[in-house]
Amino acid sequence: MMMRYALIAVAAVAGLVMLVGIVRRLLRRRAVSRLFQPVSCVDCGWSGQVSRYAGRCPQCNRLLGEQKAQRRSP
């Protein structure tokens, strides 16, 4: 009889640990990427992530995003 209660307690603790892990994973904030940024193109309607340095729309090749890598003037 005691063994049965011990198994139920172990199963309950294991289930609780799994539930806490799932809840923590769902509530965790996603890290902001230093290299990519989410954008949407006003010309063709594409949306996704592009580079912060040389972002271009993959469908229409329009410049998107911050464009940190600027072209040097001669």
PDB file of N, CA and C in Angstrom:
ATOM      1  N   MET A   1       0.807  -1.185   0.000  1.00  0.00           N
ATOM      2  CA  MET A   1       0.000   0.000   0.000  1.00  0.00           C
ATOM      3  C   MET A   1       0.866   1.272   0.000  1.00  0.00           C
ATOM      4  N   MET A   2       1.921   1.245   0.813  1.00  0.00           N
ATOM      5  CA  MET A   2       2.811   2.391   0.904  1.00  0.00           C
ATOM      6  C   MET A   2       3.537   2.627  -0.421  1.00  0.00           C
ATOM      7  N   MET A   3       3.871   1.545  -1.107  1.00  0.00           N
ATOM      8  CA  MET A   3       4.576   1.655  -2.380  1.00  0.00           C
ATOM      9  C   MET A   3       3.698   2.358  -3.423  1.00  0.00           C
ATOM     10  N   ARG A   4       2.421   2.095  -3.371  1.00  0.00           N
ATOM     11  CA  ARG A   4       1.486   2.703  -4.312  1.00  0.00           C
ATOM     12  C   ARG A   4       1.458   4.227  -4.123  1.00  0.00           C
ATOM     13  N   TYR A   5       1.385   4.690  -2.877  1.00  0.00           N
ATOM     14  CA  TYR A   5       1.375   6.122  -2.598  1.00  0.00           C
ATOM     15  C   TYR A   5       2.696   6.774  -2.992  1.00  0.00           C
ATOM     16  N   ALA A   6       3.783   6.069  -2.805  1.00  0.00           N
ATOM     17  CA  ALA A   6       5.093   6.595  -3.190  1.00  0.00           C
ATOM     18  C   ALA A   6       5.169   6.773  -4.708  1.00  0.00           C
ATOM     19  N   LEU A   7       4.667   5.812  -5.469  1.00  0.00           N
ATOM     20  CA  LEU A   7       4.672   5.925  -6.929  1.00  0.00           C
ATOM     21  C   LEU A   7       3.784   7.063  -7.407  1.00  0.00           C
ATOM     22  N   ILE A   8       2.643   7.228  -6.768  1.00  0.00           N
ATOM     23  CA  ILE A   8       1.746   8.335  -7.116  1.00  0.00           C
ATOM     24  C   ILE A   8       2.414   9.671  -6.807  1.00  0.00           C
ATOM     25  N   ALA A   9       3.095   9.768  -5.682  1.00  0.00           N
ATOM     26  CA  ALA A   9       3.783  11.007  -5.309  1.00  0.00           C
ATOM     27  C   ALA A   9       4.913  11.314  -6.289  1.00  0.00           C
ATOM     28  N   VAL A  10       5.677  10.308  -6.681  1.00  0.00           N
ATOM     29  CA  VAL A  10       6.774  10.514  -7.642  1.00  0.00           C
ATOM     30  C   VAL A  10       6.216  10.957  -8.988  1.00  0.00           C
ATOM     31  N   ALA A  11       5.125  10.350  -9.428  1.00  0.00           N
ATOM     32  CA  ALA A  11       4.510  10.728 -10.701  1.00  0.00           C
ATOM     33  C   ALA A  11       3.966  12.158 -10.635  1.00  0.00           C
ATOM     34  N   ALA A  12       3.382  12.525  -9.500  1.00  0.00           N
ATOM     35  CA  ALA A  12       2.848  13.876  -9.341  1.00  0.00           C
ATOM     36  C   ALA A  12       3.969  14.913  -9.364  1.00  0.00           C
ATOM     37  N   VAL A  13       5.074  14.627  -8.684  1.00  0.00           N
ATOM     38  CA  VAL A  13       6.208  15.554  -8.677  1.00  0.00           C
ATOM     39  C   VAL A  13       6.802  15.677 -10.077  1.00  0.00           C
ATOM     40  N   ALA A  14       6.938  14.575 -10.791  1.00  0.00           N
ATOM     41  CA  ALA A  14       7.469  14.616 -12.152  1.00  0.00           C
ATOM     42  C   ALA A  14       6.549  15.416 -13.068  1.00  0.00           C
ATOM     43  N   GLY A  15       5.251  15.221 -12.933  1.00  0.00           N
ATOM     44  CA  GLY A  15       4.292  15.988 -13.731  1.00  0.00           C
ATOM     45  C   GLY A  15       4.351  17.464 -13.417  1.00  0.00           C
ATOM     46  N   LEU A  16       4.507  17.797 -12.148  1.00  0.00           N
ATOM     47  CA  LEU A  16       4.607  19.198 -11.741  1.00  0.00           C
ATOM     48  C   LEU A  16       5.869  19.847 -12.290  1.00  0.00           C
ATOM     49  N   VAL A  17       6.972  19.135 -12.256  1.00  0.00           N
ATOM     50  CA  VAL A  17       8.235  19.661 -12.803  1.00  0.00           C
ATOM     51  C   VAL A  17       8.092  19.908 -14.304  1.00  0.00           C
ATOM     52  N   MET A  18       7.476  18.976 -15.007  1.00  0.00           N
ATOM     53  CA  MET A  18       7.270  19.145 -16.451  1.00  0.00           C
ATOM     54  C   MET A  18       6.345  20.328 -16.730  1.00  0.00           C
ATOM     55  N   LEU A  19       5.290  20.488 -15.948  1.00  0.00           N
ATOM     56  CA  LEU A  19       4.354  21.586 -16.134  1.00  0.00           C
ATOM     57  C   LEU A  19       5.027  22.936 -15.883  1.00  0.00           C
ATOM     58  N   VAL A  20       5.839  23.023 -14.846  1.00  0.00           N
ATOM     59  CA  VAL A  20       6.566  24.266 -14.560  1.00  0.00           C
ATOM     60  C   VAL A  20       7.526  24.591 -15.708  1.00  0.00           C
ATOM     61  N   GLY A  21       8.200  23.594 -16.250  1.00  0.00           N
ATOM     62  CA  GLY A  21       9.108  23.817 -17.377  1.00  0.00           C
ATOM     63  C   GLY A  21       8.378  24.330 -18.605  1.00  0.00           C
ATOM     64  N   ILE A  22       7.227  23.786 -18.886  1.00  0.00           N
ATOM     65  CA  ILE A  22       6.445  24.231 -20.050  1.00  0.00           C
ATOM     66  C   ILE A  22       5.971  25.666 -19.858  1.00  0.00           C
ATOM     67  N   VAL A  23       5.483  25.987 -18.669  1.00  0.00           N
ATOM     68  CA  VAL A  23       5.014  27.343 -18.395  1.00  0.00           C
ATOM     69  C   VAL A  23       6.163  28.339 -18.485  1.00  0.00           C
ATOM     70  N   ARG A  24       7.315  27.998 -17.949  1.00  0.00           N
ATOM     71  CA  ARG A  24       8.478  28.895 -18.040  1.00  0.00           C
ATOM     72  C   ARG A  24       8.883  29.128 -19.488  1.00  0.00           C
ATOM     73  N   ARG A  25       8.851  28.088 -20.313  1.00  0.00           N
ATOM     74  CA  ARG A  25       9.218  28.214 -21.719  1.00  0.00           C
ATOM     75  C   ARG A  25       8.229  29.105 -22.459  1.00  0.00           C
ATOM     76  N   LEU A  26       6.952  29.008 -22.130  1.00  0.00           N
ATOM     77  CA  LEU A  26       5.943  29.828 -22.790  1.00  0.00           C
ATOM     78  C   LEU A  26       6.023  31.295 -22.384  1.00  0.00           C
ATOM     79  N   LEU A  27       6.407  31.559 -21.151  1.00  0.00           N
ATOM     80  CA  LEU A  27       6.458  32.928 -20.650  1.00  0.00           C
ATOM     81  C   LEU A  27       7.797  33.621 -20.883  1.00  0.00           C
ATOM     82  N   ARG A  28       8.784  32.888 -21.363  1.00  0.00           N
ATOM     83  CA  ARG A  28      10.116  33.456 -21.569  1.00  0.00           C
ATOM     84  C   ARG A  28      10.091  34.448 -22.727  1.00  0.00           C
ATOM     85  N   ARG A  29      10.764  35.549 -22.550  1.00  0.00           N
ATOM     86  CA  ARG A  29      10.884  36.544 -23.617  1.00  0.00           C
ATOM     87  C   ARG A  29      11.908  36.084 -24.625  1.00  0.00           C
ATOM     88  N   ARG A  30      11.644  36.394 -25.851  1.00  0.00           N
ATOM     89  CA  ARG A  30      12.601  36.048 -26.898  1.00  0.00           C
ATOM     90  C   ARG A  30      13.656  37.137 -27.006  1.00  0.00           C
ATOM     91  N   ALA A  31      14.876  36.730 -27.203  1.00  0.00           N
ATOM     92  CA  ALA A  31      15.980  37.680 -27.298  1.00  0.00           C
ATOM     93  C   ALA A  31      15.877  38.477 -28.599  1.00  0.00           C
ATOM     94  N   VAL A  32      16.164  39.755 -28.508  1.00  0.00           N
ATOM     95  CA  VAL A  32      16.162  40.610 -29.689  1.00  0.00           C
ATOM     96  C   VAL A  32      17.484  40.412 -30.410  1.00  0.00           C
ATOM     97  N   SER A  33      17.411  40.116 -31.675  1.00  0.00           N
ATOM     98  CA  SER A  33      18.613  39.865 -32.451  1.00  0.00           C
ATOM     99  C   SER A  33      19.345  41.167 -32.754  1.00  0.00           C
ATOM    100  N   ARG A  34      20.653  41.126 -32.654  1.00  0.00           N
ATOM    101  CA  ARG A  34      21.462  42.292 -33.021  1.00  0.00           C
ATOM    102  C   ARG A  34      21.674  42.362 -34.519  1.00  0.00           C
ATOM    103  N   LEU A  35      21.477  41.259 -35.229  1.00  0.00           N
ATOM    104  CA  LEU A  35      21.786  41.215 -36.648  1.00  0.00           C
ATOM    105  C   LEU A  35      20.564  41.331 -37.553  1.00  0.00           C
ATOM    106  N   PHE A  36      19.390  40.924 -37.073  1.00  0.00           N
ATOM    107  CA  PHE A  36      18.196  40.918 -37.909  1.00  0.00           C
ATOM    108  C   PHE A  36      17.085  41.724 -37.264  1.00  0.00           C
ATOM    109  N   GLN A  37      16.168  42.235 -38.094  1.00  0.00           N
ATOM    110  CA  GLN A  37      15.027  42.989 -37.596  1.00  0.00           C
ATOM    111  C   GLN A  37      13.782  42.621 -38.388  1.00  0.00           C
ATOM    112  N   PRO A  38      12.626  42.587 -37.739  1.00  0.00           N
ATOM    113  CA  PRO A  38      11.387  42.283 -38.457  1.00  0.00           C
ATOM    114  C   PRO A  38      10.908  43.505 -39.238  1.00  0.00           C
ATOM    115  N   VAL A  39      10.543  43.313 -40.491  1.00  0.00           N
ATOM    116  CA  VAL A  39      10.058  44.401 -41.341  1.00  0.00           C
ATOM    117  C   VAL A  39       8.966  43.868 -42.259  1.00  0.00           C
ATOM    118  N   SER A  40       8.257  44.798 -42.899  1.00  0.00           N
ATOM    119  CA  SER A  40       7.330  44.434 -43.960  1.00  0.00           C
ATOM    120  C   SER A  40       7.502  45.435 -45.089  1.00  0.00           C
ATOM    121  N   CYS A  41       7.446  44.941 -46.311  1.00  0.00           N
ATOM    122  CA  CYS A  41       7.667  45.767 -47.499  1.00  0.00           C
ATOM    123  C   CYS A  41       6.354  46.426 -47.896  1.00  0.00           C
ATOM    124  N   VAL A  42       6.403  47.736 -48.149  1.00  0.00           N
ATOM    125  CA  VAL A  42       5.188  48.448 -48.543  1.00  0.00           C
ATOM    126  C   VAL A  42       4.891  48.265 -50.024  1.00  0.00           C
ATOM    127  N   ASP A  43       5.898  47.910 -50.823  1.00  0.00           N
ATOM    128  CA  ASP A  43       5.681  47.734 -52.258  1.00  0.00           C
ATOM    129  C   ASP A  43       4.995  46.412 -52.594  1.00  0.00           C
ATOM    130  N   CYS A  44       5.570  45.300 -52.116  1.00  0.00           N
ATOM    131  CA  CYS A  44       5.056  43.983 -52.509  1.00  0.00           C
ATOM    132  C   CYS A  44       4.298  43.266 -51.410  1.00  0.00           C
ATOM    133  N   GLY A  45       4.358  43.759 -50.151  1.00  0.00           N
ATOM    134  CA  GLY A  45       3.619  43.151 -49.054  1.00  0.00           C
ATOM    135  C   GLY A  45       4.345  42.043 -48.326  1.00  0.00           C
ATOM    136  N   TRP A  46       5.596  41.738 -48.708  1.00  0.00           N
ATOM    137  CA  TRP A  46       6.368  40.696 -48.031  1.00  0.00           C
ATOM    138  C   TRP A  46       6.648  41.137 -46.604  1.00  0.00           C
ATOM    139  N   SER A  47       6.642  40.189 -45.661  1.00  0.00           N
ATOM    140  CA  SER A  47       7.038  40.506 -44.293  1.00  0.00           C
ATOM    141  C   SER A  47       7.904  39.376 -43.766  1.00  0.00           C
ATOM    142  N   GLY A  48       8.896  39.748 -42.970  1.00  0.00           N
ATOM    143  CA  GLY A  48       9.828  38.778 -42.411  1.00  0.00           C
ATOM    144  C   GLY A  48      10.981  39.499 -41.749  1.00  0.00           C
ATOM    145  N   GLN A  49      12.133  38.831 -41.674  1.00  0.00           N
ATOM    146  CA  GLN A  49      13.310  39.426 -41.059  1.00  0.00           C
ATOM    147  C   GLN A  49      14.371  39.704 -42.116  1.00  0.00           C
ATOM    148  N   VAL A  50      15.015  40.868 -41.983  1.00  0.00           N
ATOM    149  CA  VAL A  50      16.120  41.231 -42.861  1.00  0.00           C
ATOM    150  C   VAL A  50      17.291  41.700 -42.011  1.00  0.00           C
ATOM    151  N   SER A  51      18.439  41.786 -42.614  1.00  0.00           N
ATOM    152  CA  SER A  51      19.643  42.232 -41.932  1.00  0.00           C
ATOM    153  C   SER A  51      19.523  43.694 -41.526  1.00  0.00           C
ATOM    154  N   ARG A  52      20.059  44.027 -40.346  1.00  0.00           N
ATOM    155  CA  ARG A  52      20.069  45.425 -39.905  1.00  0.00           C
ATOM    156  C   ARG A  52      21.071  46.246 -40.709  1.00  0.00           C
ATOM    157  N   TYR A  53      22.042  45.612 -41.321  1.00  0.00           N
ATOM    158  CA  TYR A  53      23.114  46.340 -41.996  1.00  0.00           C
ATOM    159  C   TYR A  53      22.858  46.551 -43.476  1.00  0.00           C
ATOM    160  N   ALA A  54      22.312  45.582 -44.153  1.00  0.00           N
ATOM    161  CA  ALA A  54      22.076  45.719 -45.587  1.00  0.00           C
ATOM    162  C   ALA A  54      20.748  45.075 -45.946  1.00  0.00           C
ATOM    163  N   GLY A  55      19.679  45.461 -45.270  1.00  0.00           N
ATOM    164  CA  GLY A  55      18.383  44.820 -45.464  1.00  0.00           C
ATOM    165  C   GLY A  55      17.720  45.183 -46.775  1.00  0.00           C
ATOM    166  N   ARG A  56      17.296  44.155 -47.490  1.00  0.00           N
ATOM    167  CA  ARG A  56      16.566  44.335 -48.742  1.00  0.00           C
ATOM    168  C   ARG A  56      15.439  43.327 -48.790  1.00  0.00           C
ATOM    169  N   CYS A  57      14.367  43.704 -49.456  1.00  0.00           N
ATOM    170  CA  CYS A  57      13.244  42.801 -49.642  1.00  0.00           C
ATOM    171  C   CYS A  57      13.666  41.689 -50.604  1.00  0.00           C
ATOM    172  N   PRO A  58      13.440  40.416 -50.250  1.00  0.00           N
ATOM    173  CA  PRO A  58      13.853  39.326 -51.140  1.00  0.00           C
ATOM    174  C   PRO A  58      12.991  39.208 -52.404  1.00  0.00           C
ATOM    175  N   GLN A  59      11.825  39.845 -52.431  1.00  0.00           N
ATOM    176  CA  GLN A  59      10.970  39.756 -53.613  1.00  0.00           C
ATOM    177  C   GLN A  59      11.193  40.903 -54.590  1.00  0.00           C
ATOM    178  N   CYS A  60      11.250  42.145 -54.072  1.00  0.00           N
ATOM    179  CA  CYS A  60      11.350  43.291 -54.995  1.00  0.00           C
ATOM    180  C   CYS A  60      12.668  44.059 -54.855  1.00  0.00           C
ATOM    181  N   ASN A  61      13.553  43.646 -53.955  1.00  0.00           N
ATOM    182  CA  ASN A  61      14.888  44.231 -53.778  1.00  0.00           C
ATOM    183  C   ASN A  61      14.859  45.677 -53.275  1.00  0.00           C
ATOM    184  N   ARG A  62      13.784  46.086 -52.633  1.00  0.00           N
ATOM    185  CA  ARG A  62      13.685  47.426 -52.077  1.00  0.00           C
ATOM    186  C   ARG A  62      14.474  47.483 -50.773  1.00  0.00           C
ATOM    187  N   LEU A  63      15.111  48.621 -50.479  1.00  0.00           N
ATOM    188  CA  LEU A  63      15.836  48.793 -49.220  1.00  0.00           C
ATOM    189  C   LEU A  63      14.850  48.804 -48.062  1.00  0.00           C
ATOM    190  N   LEU A  64      15.155  48.039 -47.020  1.00  0.00           N
ATOM    191  CA  LEU A  64      14.306  47.944 -45.841  1.00  0.00           C
ATOM    192  C   LEU A  64      15.144  48.065 -44.584  1.00  0.00           C
ATOM    193  N   GLY A  65      14.550  48.538 -43.499  1.00  0.00           N
ATOM    194  CA  GLY A  65      15.201  48.525 -42.201  1.00  0.00           C
ATOM    195  C   GLY A  65      16.120  49.694 -41.952  1.00  0.00           C
ATOM    196  N   GLU A  66      17.021  49.504 -41.000  1.00  0.00           N
ATOM    197  CA  GLU A  66      17.878  50.581 -40.515  1.00  0.00           C
ATOM    198  C   GLU A  66      18.986  50.977 -41.477  1.00  0.00           C
ATOM    199  N   GLN A  67      19.476  50.028 -42.254  1.00  0.00           N
ATOM    200  CA  GLN A  67      20.566  50.290 -43.203  1.00  0.00           C
ATOM    201  C   GLN A  67      21.775  50.907 -42.504  1.00  0.00           C
ATOM    202  N   LYS A  68      22.311  50.217 -41.514  1.00  0.00           N
ATOM    203  CA  LYS A  68      23.477  50.719 -40.769  1.00  0.00           C
ATOM    204  C   LYS A  68      24.731  50.748 -41.622  1.00  0.00           C
ATOM    205  N   ALA A  69      24.814  49.858 -42.613  1.00  0.00           N
ATOM    206  CA  ALA A  69      25.986  49.849 -43.483  1.00  0.00           C
ATOM    207  C   ALA A  69      25.716  50.839 -44.613  1.00  0.00           C
ATOM    208  N   GLN A  70      26.190  52.039 -44.450  1.00  0.00           N
ATOM    209  CA  GLN A  70      25.981  53.087 -45.438  1.00  0.00           C
ATOM    210  C   GLN A  70      27.076  53.064 -46.486  1.00  0.00           C
ATOM    211  N   ARG A  71      26.738  53.430 -47.694  1.00  0.00           N
ATOM    212  CA  ARG A  71      27.718  53.489 -48.773  1.00  0.00           C
ATOM    213  C   ARG A  71      28.582  54.742 -48.570  1.00  0.00           C
ATOM    214  N   ARG A  72      29.871  54.582 -48.741  1.00  0.00           N
ATOM    215  CA  ARG A  72      30.785  55.722 -48.590  1.00  0.00           C
ATOM    216  C   ARG A  72      30.780  56.563 -49.863  1.00  0.00           C
ATOM    217  N   SER A  73      30.831  57.881 -49.682  1.00  0.00           N
ATOM    218  CA  SER A  73      30.915  58.770 -50.848  1.00  0.00           C
ATOM    219  C   SER A  73      32.377  58.948 -51.251  1.00  0.00           C
ATOM    220  N   PRO A  74      32.649  58.904 -52.521  1.00  0.00           N
ATOM    221  CA  PRO A  74      34.048  59.090 -52.978  1.00  0.00           C
ATOM    222  C   PRO A  74      34.493  60.518 -52.876  1.00  0.00           C
TER     223      PRO A  74
END
